[in-house]
Amino acid sequence: MADEQNGWNEYSKLVINELERLNEGISNLNGQILELKHEIVKLKGKEESIKDLKSWKKSMDEVVSPTQLKELSKKMTELTTFKTQAITIFLIVQGLMILTLSVMKFFN
C-alpha cells in the first residue's frame, strides 16, 4: 500500500504540474485575446475613418469629378492667358491712338 500511496503522490504532483502548465497557457491565451480585442477596436476606428472619407469623396464627386476639375484648371489657365493678351493688345491700341492723336495735333 505504501507503493500505491507513493505512486499516487507522484501522479498527483504530475497532474498538479500539468494543471499549472495549462493554467499558464490559458493565462497567456487570455492576454493574447485581450491584445486582439484592442487591435480590433483600432481597426474599427480606422474603418469608420475610411467610411467617412468614402462618403466625403462621394459627395465631392457629385460636385465635380477629378477629370472635370482638371479640365476646369486647364480652361482657367487659358482664360488667364487670354485676359493678359487682351489687356496687352488694348494698351498697345490705346497707346497708338494717343500717339496718332498727338502727331495729328502736332501737324495741325
PDB file of N, CA and C in Angstrom:
ATOM      1  N   MET A   1       0.805  -1.181   0.000  1.00  0.00           N
ATOM      2  CA  MET A   1       0.000   0.000   0.000  1.00  0.00           C
ATOM      3  C   MET A   1       0.852   1.250   0.000  1.00  0.00           C
ATOM      4  N   ALA A   2       2.022   1.167   0.591  1.00  0.00           N
ATOM      5  CA  ALA A   2       2.930   2.301   0.613  1.00  0.00           C
ATOM      6  C   ALA A   2       3.374   2.638  -0.800  1.00  0.00           C
ATOM      7  N   ASP A   3       3.531   1.592  -1.642  1.00  0.00           N
ATOM      8  CA  ASP A   3       3.903   1.843  -3.029  1.00  0.00           C
ATOM      9  C   ASP A   3       2.773   2.544  -3.781  1.00  0.00           C
ATOM     10  N   GLU A   4       1.517   2.152  -3.495  1.00  0.00           N
ATOM     11  CA  GLU A   4       0.375   2.798  -4.134  1.00  0.00           C
ATOM     12  C   GLU A   4       0.287   4.257  -3.714  1.00  0.00           C
ATOM     13  N   GLN A   5       0.489   4.505  -2.430  1.00  0.00           N
ATOM     14  CA  GLN A   5       0.437   5.878  -1.911  1.00  0.00           C
ATOM     15  C   GLN A   5       1.554   6.695  -2.545  1.00  0.00           C
ATOM     16  N   ASN A   6       2.746   6.132  -2.638  1.00  0.00           N
ATOM     17  CA  ASN A   6       3.889   6.808  -3.230  1.00  0.00           C
ATOM     18  C   ASN A   6       3.615   7.077  -4.708  1.00  0.00           C
ATOM     19  N   GLY A   7       3.027   6.106  -5.397  1.00  0.00           N
ATOM     20  CA  GLY A   7       2.684   6.283  -6.802  1.00  0.00           C
ATOM     21  C   GLY A   7       1.620   7.360  -6.973  1.00  0.00           C
ATOM     22  N   TRP A   8       0.660   7.382  -6.048  1.00  0.00           N
ATOM     23  CA  TRP A   8      -0.394   8.406  -6.114  1.00  0.00           C
ATOM     24  C   TRP A   8       0.192   9.792  -5.881  1.00  0.00           C
ATOM     25  N   ASN A   9       1.150   9.912  -4.961  1.00  0.00           N
ATOM     26  CA  ASN A   9       1.795  11.208  -4.712  1.00  0.00           C
ATOM     27  C   ASN A   9       2.523  11.680  -5.972  1.00  0.00           C
ATOM     28  N   GLU A  10       3.221  10.774  -6.636  1.00  0.00           N
ATOM     29  CA  GLU A  10       3.922  11.116  -7.874  1.00  0.00           C
ATOM     30  C   GLU A  10       2.912  11.546  -8.949  1.00  0.00           C
ATOM     31  N   TYR A  11       1.839  10.766  -9.082  1.00  0.00           N
ATOM     32  CA  TYR A  11       0.831  11.056 -10.087  1.00  0.00           C
ATOM     33  C   TYR A  11       0.132  12.383  -9.791  1.00  0.00           C
ATOM     34  N   SER A  12      -0.177  12.615  -8.505  1.00  0.00           N
ATOM     35  CA  SER A  12      -0.862  13.869  -8.157  1.00  0.00           C
ATOM     36  C   SER A  12       0.048  15.063  -8.427  1.00  0.00           C
ATOM     37  N   LYS A  13       1.349  14.930  -8.183  1.00  0.00           N
ATOM     38  CA  LYS A  13       2.289  16.010  -8.487  1.00  0.00           C
ATOM     39  C   LYS A  13       2.326  16.263  -9.996  1.00  0.00           C
ATOM     40  N   LEU A  14       2.329  15.178 -10.782  1.00  0.00           N
ATOM     41  CA  LEU A  14       2.323  15.297 -12.237  1.00  0.00           C
ATOM     42  C   LEU A  14       1.049  15.996 -12.720  1.00  0.00           C
ATOM     43  N   VAL A  15      -0.086  15.621 -12.144  1.00  0.00           N
ATOM     44  CA  VAL A  15      -1.360  16.235 -12.517  1.00  0.00           C
ATOM     45  C   VAL A  15      -1.364  17.709 -12.133  1.00  0.00           C
ATOM     46  N   ILE A  16      -0.870  18.020 -10.940  1.00  0.00           N
ATOM     47  CA  ILE A  16      -0.824  19.414 -10.490  1.00  0.00           C
ATOM     48  C   ILE A  16       0.086  20.233 -11.407  1.00  0.00           C
ATOM     49  N   ASN A  17       1.251  19.694 -11.754  1.00  0.00           N
ATOM     50  CA  ASN A  17       2.163  20.398 -12.670  1.00  0.00           C
ATOM     51  C   ASN A  17       1.503  20.629 -14.029  1.00  0.00           C
ATOM     52  N   GLU A  18       0.790  19.606 -14.509  1.00  0.00           N
ATOM     53  CA  GLU A  18       0.114  19.742 -15.802  1.00  0.00           C
ATOM     54  C   GLU A  18      -0.995  20.789 -15.719  1.00  0.00           C
ATOM     55  N   LEU A  19      -1.737  20.794 -14.639  1.00  0.00           N
ATOM     56  CA  LEU A  19      -2.793  21.800 -14.457  1.00  0.00           C
ATOM     57  C   LEU A  19      -2.200  23.204 -14.381  1.00  0.00           C
ATOM     58  N   GLU A  20      -1.080  23.345 -13.679  1.00  0.00           N
ATOM     59  CA  GLU A  20      -0.426  24.656 -13.595  1.00  0.00           C
ATOM     60  C   GLU A  20       0.059  25.107 -14.970  1.00  0.00           C
ATOM     61  N   ARG A  21       0.605  24.164 -15.746  1.00  0.00           N
ATOM     62  CA  ARG A  21       1.060  24.496 -17.100  1.00  0.00           C
ATOM     63  C   ARG A  21      -0.121  24.914 -17.977  1.00  0.00           C
ATOM     64  N   LEU A  22      -1.220  24.168 -17.868  1.00  0.00           N
ATOM     65  CA  LEU A  22      -2.415  24.520 -18.635  1.00  0.00           C
ATOM     66  C   LEU A  22      -2.972  25.870 -18.199  1.00  0.00           C
ATOM     67  N   ASN A  23      -2.943  26.136 -16.900  1.00  0.00           N
ATOM     68  CA  ASN A  23      -3.419  27.420 -16.382  1.00  0.00           C
ATOM     69  C   ASN A  23      -2.560  28.566 -16.910  1.00  0.00           C
ATOM     70  N   GLU A  24      -1.256  28.339 -16.967  1.00  0.00           N
ATOM     71  CA  GLU A  24      -0.351  29.359 -17.507  1.00  0.00           C
ATOM     72  C   GLU A  24      -0.626  29.584 -18.999  1.00  0.00           C
ATOM     73  N   GLY A  25      -0.872  28.479 -19.716  1.00  0.00           N
ATOM     74  CA  GLY A  25      -1.201  28.590 -21.139  1.00  0.00           C
ATOM     75  C   GLY A  25      -2.496  29.363 -21.353  1.00  0.00           C
ATOM     76  N   ILE A  26      -3.488  29.089 -20.518  1.00  0.00           N
ATOM     77  CA  ILE A  26      -4.761  29.806 -20.616  1.00  0.00           C
ATOM     78  C   ILE A  26      -4.564  31.282 -20.300  1.00  0.00           C
ATOM     79  N   SER A  27      -3.742  31.581 -19.303  1.00  0.00           N
ATOM     80  CA  SER A  27      -3.455  32.984 -18.972  1.00  0.00           C
ATOM     81  C   SER A  27      -2.799  33.684 -20.156  1.00  0.00           C
ATOM     82  N   ASN A  28      -1.847  33.013 -20.797  1.00  0.00           N
ATOM     83  CA  ASN A  28      -1.202  33.588 -21.989  1.00  0.00           C
ATOM     84  C   ASN A  28      -2.221  33.818 -23.101  1.00  0.00           C
ATOM     85  N   LEU A  29      -3.101  32.837 -23.302  1.00  0.00           N
ATOM     86  CA  LEU A  29      -4.132  32.987 -24.332  1.00  0.00           C
ATOM     87  C   LEU A  29      -5.072  34.154 -24.008  1.00  0.00           C
ATOM     88  N   ASN A  30      -5.422  34.314 -22.734  1.00  0.00           N
ATOM     89  CA  ASN A  30      -6.274  35.439 -22.342  1.00  0.00           C
ATOM     90  C   ASN A  30      -5.591  36.774 -22.643  1.00  0.00           C
ATOM     91  N   GLY A  31      -4.297  36.838 -22.384  1.00  0.00           N
ATOM     92  CA  GLY A  31      -3.543  38.059 -22.697  1.00  0.00           C
ATOM     93  C   GLY A  31      -3.539  38.334 -24.190  1.00  0.00           C
ATOM     94  N   GLN A  32      -3.334  37.296 -24.984  1.00  0.00           N
ATOM     95  CA  GLN A  32      -3.342  37.463 -26.439  1.00  0.00           C
ATOM     96  C   GLN A  32      -4.722  37.855 -26.946  1.00  0.00           C
ATOM     97  N   ILE A  33      -5.763  37.296 -26.357  1.00  0.00           N
ATOM     98  CA  ILE A  33      -7.133  37.654 -26.743  1.00  0.00           C
ATOM     99  C   ILE A  33      -7.396  39.116 -26.424  1.00  0.00           C
ATOM    100  N   LEU A  34      -6.907  39.580 -25.295  1.00  0.00           N
ATOM    101  CA  LEU A  34      -7.076  40.982 -24.917  1.00  0.00           C
ATOM    102  C   LEU A  34      -6.364  41.898 -25.916  1.00  0.00           C
ATOM    103  N   GLU A  35      -5.155  41.515 -26.309  1.00  0.00           N
ATOM    104  CA  GLU A  35      -4.423  42.296 -27.316  1.00  0.00           C
ATOM    105  C   GLU A  35      -5.187  42.322 -28.641  1.00  0.00           C
ATOM    106  N   LEU A  36      -5.740  41.162 -29.035  1.00  0.00           N
ATOM    107  CA  LEU A  36      -6.515  41.097 -30.280  1.00  0.00           C
ATOM    108  C   LEU A  36      -7.756  41.986 -30.205  1.00  0.00           C
ATOM    109  N   LYS A  37      -8.393  42.030 -29.039  1.00  0.00           N
ATOM    110  CA  LYS A  37      -9.556  42.901 -28.886  1.00  0.00           C
ATOM    111  C   LYS A  37      -9.160  44.362 -29.069  1.00  0.00           C
ATOM    112  N   HIS A  38      -8.002  44.748 -28.518  1.00  0.00           N
ATOM    113  CA  HIS A  38      -7.520  46.126 -28.685  1.00  0.00           C
ATOM    114  C   HIS A  38      -7.255  46.415 -30.169  1.00  0.00           C
ATOM    115  N   GLU A  39      -6.662  45.466 -30.858  1.00  0.00           N
ATOM    116  CA  GLU A  39      -6.391  45.641 -32.286  1.00  0.00           C
ATOM    117  C   GLU A  39      -7.695  45.763 -33.079  1.00  0.00           C
ATOM    118  N   ILE A  40      -8.691  44.970 -32.704  1.00  0.00           N
ATOM    119  CA  ILE A  40      -9.989  45.034 -33.385  1.00  0.00           C
ATOM    120  C   ILE A  40     -10.626  46.400 -33.181  1.00  0.00           C
ATOM    121  N   VAL A  41     -10.518  46.944 -31.976  1.00  0.00           N
ATOM    122  CA  VAL A  41     -11.065  48.278 -31.704  1.00  0.00           C
ATOM    123  C   VAL A  41     -10.361  49.317 -32.570  1.00  0.00           C
ATOM    124  N   LYS A  42      -9.031  49.214 -32.680  1.00  0.00           N
ATOM    125  CA  LYS A  42      -8.283  50.145 -33.524  1.00  0.00           C
ATOM    126  C   LYS A  42      -8.724  50.027 -34.984  1.00  0.00           C
ATOM    127  N   LEU A  43      -8.879  48.794 -35.458  1.00  0.00           N
ATOM    128  CA  LEU A  43      -9.300  48.575 -36.845  1.00  0.00           C
ATOM    129  C   LEU A  43     -10.701  49.118 -37.095  1.00  0.00           C
ATOM    130  N   LYS A  44     -11.599  48.974 -36.117  1.00  0.00           N
ATOM    131  CA  LYS A  44     -12.948  49.519 -36.279  1.00  0.00           C
ATOM    132  C   LYS A  44     -12.901  51.040 -36.367  1.00  0.00           C
ATOM    133  N   GLY A  45     -12.009  51.665 -35.596  1.00  0.00           N
ATOM    134  CA  GLY A  45     -11.842  53.114 -35.682  1.00  0.00           C
ATOM    135  C   GLY A  45     -11.346  53.524 -37.054  1.00  0.00           C
ATOM    136  N   LYS A  46     -10.380  52.781 -37.577  1.00  0.00           N
ATOM    137  CA  LYS A  46      -9.865  53.069 -38.916  1.00  0.00           C
ATOM    138  C   LYS A  46     -10.947  52.838 -39.966  1.00  0.00           C
ATOM    139  N   GLU A  47     -11.751  51.815 -39.768  1.00  0.00           N
ATOM    140  CA  GLU A  47     -12.830  51.526 -40.702  1.00  0.00           C
ATOM    141  C   GLU A  47     -13.831  52.686 -40.735  1.00  0.00           C
ATOM    142  N   GLU A  48     -14.135  53.248 -39.573  1.00  0.00           N
ATOM    143  CA  GLU A  48     -15.038  54.396 -39.519  1.00  0.00           C
ATOM    144  C   GLU A  48     -14.443  55.586 -40.267  1.00  0.00           C
ATOM    145  N   SER A  49     -13.135  55.788 -40.090  1.00  0.00           N
ATOM    146  CA  SER A  49     -12.467  56.887 -40.795  1.00  0.00           C
ATOM    147  C   SER A  49     -12.545  56.673 -42.302  1.00  0.00           C
ATOM    148  N   ILE A  50     -12.345  55.451 -42.733  1.00  0.00           N
ATOM    149  CA  ILE A  50     -12.408  55.139 -44.163  1.00  0.00           C
ATOM    150  C   ILE A  50     -13.825  55.367 -44.689  1.00  0.00           C
ATOM    151  N   LYS A  51     -14.836  54.976 -43.902  1.00  0.00           N
ATOM    152  CA  LYS A  51     -16.220  55.209 -44.327  1.00  0.00           C
ATOM    153  C   LYS A  51     -16.489  56.704 -44.460  1.00  0.00           C
ATOM    154  N   ASP A  52     -15.978  57.500 -43.507  1.00  0.00           N
ATOM    155  CA  ASP A  52     -16.157  58.950 -43.579  1.00  0.00           C
ATOM    156  C   ASP A  52     -15.496  59.515 -44.827  1.00  0.00           C
ATOM    157  N   LEU A  53     -14.280  59.045 -45.115  1.00  0.00           N
ATOM    158  CA  LEU A  53     -13.579  59.515 -46.317  1.00  0.00           C
ATOM    159  C   LEU A  53     -14.319  59.114 -47.590  1.00  0.00           C
ATOM    160  N   LYS A  54     -14.858  57.907 -47.604  1.00  0.00           N
ATOM    161  CA  LYS A  54     -15.600  57.458 -48.783  1.00  0.00           C
ATOM    162  C   LYS A  54     -16.840  58.323 -48.998  1.00  0.00           C
ATOM    163  N   SER A  55     -17.554  58.618 -47.913  1.00  0.00           N
ATOM    164  CA  SER A  55     -18.757  59.439 -48.072  1.00  0.00           C
ATOM    165  C   SER A  55     -18.382  60.858 -48.498  1.00  0.00           C
ATOM    166  N   TRP A  56     -17.265  61.396 -47.965  1.00  0.00           N
ATOM    167  CA  TRP A  56     -16.807  62.724 -48.379  1.00  0.00           C
ATOM    168  C   TRP A  56     -16.444  62.716 -49.856  1.00  0.00           C
ATOM    169  N   LYS A  57     -15.724  61.678 -50.295  1.00  0.00           N
ATOM    170  CA  LYS A  57     -15.323  61.581 -51.705  1.00  0.00           C
ATOM    171  C   LYS A  57     -16.554  61.472 -52.595  1.00  0.00           C
ATOM    172  N   LYS A  58     -17.541  60.706 -52.144  1.00  0.00           N
ATOM    173  CA  LYS A  58     -18.754  60.547 -52.940  1.00  0.00           C
ATOM    174  C   LYS A  58     -19.463  61.898 -53.084  1.00  0.00           C
ATOM    175  N   SER A  59     -19.537  62.644 -52.003  1.00  0.00           N
ATOM    176  CA  SER A  59     -20.196  63.951 -52.095  1.00  0.00           C
ATOM    177  C   SER A  59     -19.386  64.910 -52.957  1.00  0.00           C
ATOM    178  N   MET A  60     -18.064  64.813 -52.901  1.00  0.00           N
ATOM    179  CA  MET A  60     -17.221  65.662 -53.745  1.00  0.00           C
ATOM    180  C   MET A  60     -17.348  65.262 -55.215  1.00  0.00           C
ATOM    181  N   ASP A  61     -17.470  63.977 -55.485  1.00  0.00           N
ATOM    182  CA  ASP A  61     -17.635  63.514 -56.862  1.00  0.00           C
ATOM    183  C   ASP A  61     -18.954  63.997 -57.439  1.00  0.00           C
ATOM    184  N   GLU A  62     -19.961  64.169 -56.583  1.00  0.00           N
ATOM    185  CA  GLU A  62     -21.233  64.700 -57.060  1.00  0.00           C
ATOM    186  C   GLU A  62     -21.084  66.152 -57.488  1.00  0.00           C
ATOM    187  N   VAL A  63     -20.188  66.881 -56.839  1.00  0.00           N
ATOM    188  CA  VAL A  63     -19.970  68.286 -57.174  1.00  0.00           C
ATOM    189  C   VAL A  63     -19.134  68.390 -58.444  1.00  0.00           C
ATOM    190  N   VAL A  64     -17.977  67.743 -58.442  1.00  0.00           N
ATOM    191  CA  VAL A  64     -17.078  67.799 -59.592  1.00  0.00           C
ATOM    192  C   VAL A  64     -16.188  66.559 -59.560  1.00  0.00           C
ATOM    193  N   SER A  65     -16.004  65.963 -60.728  1.00  0.00           N
ATOM    194  CA  SER A  65     -15.138  64.788 -60.799  1.00  0.00           C
ATOM    195  C   SER A  65     -13.690  65.246 -60.995  1.00  0.00           C
ATOM    196  N   PRO A  66     -12.723  64.393 -60.713  1.00  0.00           N
ATOM    197  CA  PRO A  66     -11.327  64.773 -60.918  1.00  0.00           C
ATOM    198  C   PRO A  66     -11.025  65.180 -62.359  1.00  0.00           C
ATOM    199  N   THR A  67     -11.652  64.508 -63.320  1.00  0.00           N
ATOM    200  CA  THR A  67     -11.433  64.866 -64.727  1.00  0.00           C
ATOM    201  C   THR A  67     -11.985  66.257 -65.016  1.00  0.00           C
ATOM    202  N   GLN A  68     -13.174  66.531 -64.505  1.00  0.00           N
ATOM    203  CA  GLN A  68     -13.766  67.857 -64.701  1.00  0.00           C
ATOM    204  C   GLN A  68     -12.919  68.929 -64.031  1.00  0.00           C
ATOM    205  N   LEU A  69     -12.386  68.607 -62.860  1.00  0.00           N
ATOM    206  CA  LEU A  69     -11.538  69.560 -62.143  1.00  0.00           C
ATOM    207  C   LEU A  69     -10.274  69.859 -62.942  1.00  0.00           C
ATOM    208  N   LYS A  70      -9.701  68.851 -63.577  1.00  0.00           N
ATOM    209  CA  LYS A  70      -8.505  69.036 -64.404  1.00  0.00           C
ATOM    210  C   LYS A  70      -8.828  69.911 -65.612  1.00  0.00           C
ATOM    211  N   GLU A  71      -9.965  69.625 -66.255  1.00  0.00           N
ATOM    212  CA  GLU A  71     -10.374  70.428 -67.405  1.00  0.00           C
ATOM    213  C   GLU A  71     -10.640  71.874 -66.996  1.00  0.00           C
ATOM    214  N   LEU A  72     -11.271  72.057 -65.853  1.00  0.00           N
ATOM    215  CA  LEU A  72     -11.554  73.399 -65.353  1.00  0.00           C
ATOM    216  C   LEU A  72     -10.262  74.161 -65.093  1.00  0.00           C
ATOM    217  N   SER A  73      -9.284  73.489 -64.535  1.00  0.00           N
ATOM    218  CA  SER A  73      -7.985  74.120 -64.284  1.00  0.00           C
ATOM    219  C   SER A  73      -7.328  74.532 -65.596  1.00  0.00           C
ATOM    220  N   LYS A  74      -7.418  73.671 -66.601  1.00  0.00           N
ATOM    221  CA  LYS A  74      -6.833  73.978 -67.921  1.00  0.00           C
ATOM    222  C   LYS A  74      -7.534  75.186 -68.541  1.00  0.00           C
ATOM    223  N   LYS A  75      -8.862  75.223 -68.454  1.00  0.00           N
ATOM    224  CA  LYS A  75      -9.620  76.348 -69.010  1.00  0.00           C
ATOM    225  C   LYS A  75      -9.298  77.647 -68.273  1.00  0.00           C
ATOM    226  N   MET A  76      -9.119  77.565 -66.958  1.00  0.00           N
ATOM    227  CA  MET A  76      -8.760  78.764 -66.185  1.00  0.00           C
ATOM    228  C   MET A  76      -7.405  79.305 -66.627  1.00  0.00           C
ATOM    229  N   THR A  77      -6.464  78.415 -66.894  1.00  0.00           N
ATOM    230  CA  THR A  77      -5.150  78.841 -67.380  1.00  0.00           C
ATOM    231  C   THR A  77      -5.292  79.520 -68.739  1.00  0.00           C
ATOM    232  N   GLU A  78      -6.107  78.933 -69.624  1.00  0.00           N
ATOM    233  CA  GLU A  78      -6.326  79.524 -70.947  1.00  0.00           C
ATOM    234  C   GLU A  78      -6.983  80.902 -70.826  1.00  0.00           C
ATOM    235  N   LEU A  79      -7.964  81.025 -69.936  1.00  0.00           N
ATOM    236  CA  LEU A  79      -8.640  82.315 -69.758  1.00  0.00           C
ATOM    237  C   LEU A  79      -7.697  83.369 -69.182  1.00  0.00           C
ATOM    238  N   THR A  80      -6.843  82.972 -68.268  1.00  0.00           N
ATOM    239  CA  THR A  80      -5.870  83.907 -67.702  1.00  0.00           C
ATOM    240  C   THR A  80      -4.921  84.392 -68.787  1.00  0.00           C
ATOM    241  N   THR A  81      -4.473  83.480 -69.628  1.00  0.00           N
ATOM    242  CA  THR A  81      -3.586  83.852 -70.735  1.00  0.00           C
ATOM    243  C   THR A  81      -4.305  84.792 -71.702  1.00  0.00           C
ATOM    244  N   PHE A  82      -5.550  84.471 -72.035  1.00  0.00           N
ATOM    245  CA  PHE A  82      -6.326  85.320 -72.936  1.00  0.00           C
ATOM    246  C   PHE A  82      -6.517  86.718 -72.343  1.00  0.00           C
ATOM    247  N   LYS A  83      -6.824  86.782 -71.069  1.00  0.00           N
ATOM    248  CA  LYS A  83      -7.024  88.074 -70.397  1.00  0.00           C
ATOM    249  C   LYS A  83      -5.765  88.916 -70.486  1.00  0.00           C
ATOM    250  N   THR A  84      -4.614  88.310 -70.221  1.00  0.00           N
ATOM    251  CA  THR A  84      -3.340  89.034 -70.285  1.00  0.00           C
ATOM    252  C   THR A  84      -3.091  89.541 -71.697  1.00  0.00           C
ATOM    253  N   GLN A  85      -3.338  88.696 -72.683  1.00  0.00           N
ATOM    254  CA  GLN A  85      -3.139  89.104 -74.079  1.00  0.00           C
ATOM    255  C   GLN A  85      -4.111  90.224 -74.474  1.00  0.00           C
ATOM    256  N   ALA A  86      -5.367  90.132 -74.062  1.00  0.00           N
ATOM    257  CA  ALA A  86      -6.367  91.145 -74.409  1.00  0.00           C
ATOM    258  C   ALA A  86      -6.007  92.490 -73.793  1.00  0.00           C
ATOM    259  N   ILE A  87      -5.585  92.487 -72.535  1.00  0.00           N
ATOM    260  CA  ILE A  87      -5.207  93.747 -71.875  1.00  0.00           C
ATOM    261  C   ILE A  87      -3.987  94.358 -72.563  1.00  0.00           C
ATOM    262  N   THR A  88      -3.017  93.499 -72.914  1.00  0.00           N
ATOM    263  CA  THR A  88      -1.808  93.998 -73.579  1.00  0.00           C
ATOM    264  C   THR A  88      -2.162  94.614 -74.930  1.00  0.00           C
ATOM    265  N   ILE A  89      -2.989  93.948 -75.716  1.00  0.00           N
ATOM    266  CA  ILE A  89      -3.386  94.482 -77.021  1.00  0.00           C
ATOM    267  C   ILE A  89      -4.169  95.781 -76.845  1.00  0.00           C
ATOM    268  N   PHE A  90      -5.071  95.835 -75.869  1.00  0.00           N
ATOM    269  CA  PHE A  90      -5.840  97.051 -75.617  1.00  0.00           C
ATOM    270  C   PHE A  90      -4.915  98.216 -75.280  1.00  0.00           C
ATOM    271  N   LEU A  91      -3.918  97.960 -74.433  1.00  0.00           N
ATOM    272  CA  LEU A  91      -2.985  99.025 -74.069  1.00  0.00           C
ATOM    273  C   LEU A  91      -2.158  99.482 -75.273  1.00  0.00           C
ATOM    274  N   ILE A  92      -1.761  98.555 -76.113  1.00  0.00           N
ATOM    275  CA  ILE A  92      -0.989  98.925 -77.315  1.00  0.00           C
ATOM    276  C   ILE A  92      -1.857  99.771 -78.252  1.00  0.00           C
ATOM    277  N   VAL A  93      -3.121  99.351 -78.445  1.00  0.00           N
ATOM    278  CA  VAL A  93      -4.026 100.111 -79.313  1.00  0.00           C
ATOM    279  C   VAL A  93      -4.260 101.502 -78.727  1.00  0.00           C
ATOM    280  N   GLN A  94      -4.450 101.604 -77.428  1.00  0.00           N
ATOM    281  CA  GLN A  94      -4.646 102.910 -76.782  1.00  0.00           C
ATOM    282  C   GLN A  94      -3.410 103.787 -76.961  1.00  0.00           C
ATOM    283  N   GLY A  95      -2.247 103.189 -76.800  1.00  0.00           N
ATOM    284  CA  GLY A  95      -1.004 103.935 -76.984  1.00  0.00           C
ATOM    285  C   GLY A  95      -0.867 104.443 -78.406  1.00  0.00           C
ATOM    286  N   LEU A  96      -1.183 103.595 -79.372  1.00  0.00           N
ATOM    287  CA  LEU A  96      -1.127 104.018 -80.772  1.00  0.00           C
ATOM    288  C   LEU A  96      -2.139 105.128 -81.062  1.00  0.00           C
ATOM    289  N   MET A  97      -3.323 105.040 -80.464  1.00  0.00           N
ATOM    290  CA  MET A  97      -4.323 106.093 -80.655  1.00  0.00           C
ATOM    291  C   MET A  97      -3.830 107.419 -80.079  1.00  0.00           C
ATOM    292  N   ILE A  98      -3.249 107.371 -78.898  1.00  0.00           N
ATOM    293  CA  ILE A  98      -2.720 108.596 -78.280  1.00  0.00           C
ATOM    294  C   ILE A  98      -1.593 109.149 -79.133  1.00  0.00           C
ATOM    295  N   LEU A  99      -0.717 108.270 -79.601  1.00  0.00           N
ATOM    296  CA  LEU A  99       0.395 108.702 -80.443  1.00  0.00           C
ATOM    297  C   LEU A  99      -0.130 109.308 -81.747  1.00  0.00           C
ATOM    298  N   THR A 100      -1.136 108.679 -82.357  1.00  0.00           N
ATOM    299  CA  THR A 100      -1.725 109.187 -83.597  1.00  0.00           C
ATOM    300  C   THR A 100      -2.371 110.553 -83.369  1.00  0.00           C
ATOM    301  N   LEU A 101      -3.126 110.695 -82.298  1.00  0.00           N
ATOM    302  CA  LEU A 101      -3.756 111.986 -81.979  1.00  0.00           C
ATOM    303  C   LEU A 101      -2.702 113.054 -81.703  1.00  0.00           C
ATOM    304  N   SER A 102      -1.656 112.680 -81.029  1.00  0.00           N
ATOM    305  CA  SER A 102      -0.583 113.633 -80.718  1.00  0.00           C
ATOM    306  C   SER A 102       0.097 114.108 -82.003  1.00  0.00           C
ATOM    307  N   VAL A 103       0.377 113.173 -82.901  1.00  0.00           N
ATOM    308  CA  VAL A 103       1.026 113.510 -84.150  1.00  0.00           C
ATOM    309  C   VAL A 103       0.092 114.380 -84.991  1.00  0.00           C
ATOM    310  N   MET A 104      -1.206 114.033 -85.032  1.00  0.00           N
ATOM    311  CA  MET A 104      -2.164 114.837 -85.792  1.00  0.00           C
ATOM    312  C   MET A 104      -2.265 116.249 -85.218  1.00  0.00           C
ATOM    313  N   LYS A 105      -2.275 116.372 -83.918  1.00  0.00           N
ATOM    314  CA  LYS A 105      -2.359 117.685 -83.277  1.00  0.00           C
ATOM    315  C   LYS A 105      -1.098 118.493 -83.536  1.00  0.00           C
ATOM    316  N   PHE A 106       0.033 117.804 -83.557  1.00  0.00           N
ATOM    317  CA  PHE A 106       1.313 118.472 -83.776  1.00  0.00           C
ATOM    318  C   PHE A 106       1.394 119.067 -85.185  1.00  0.00           C
ATOM    319  N   PHE A 107       0.903 118.307 -86.168  1.00  0.00           N
ATOM    320  CA  PHE A 107       0.960 118.777 -87.549  1.00  0.00           C
ATOM    321  C   PHE A 107      -0.160 119.757 -87.893  1.00  0.00           C
ATOM    322  N   ASN A 108      -1.179 119.818 -87.148  1.00  0.00           N
ATOM    323  CA  ASN A 108      -2.255 120.782 -87.427  1.00  0.00           C
ATOM    324  C   ASN A 108      -1.969 122.045 -86.762  1.00  0.00           C
TER     325      ASN A 108
END
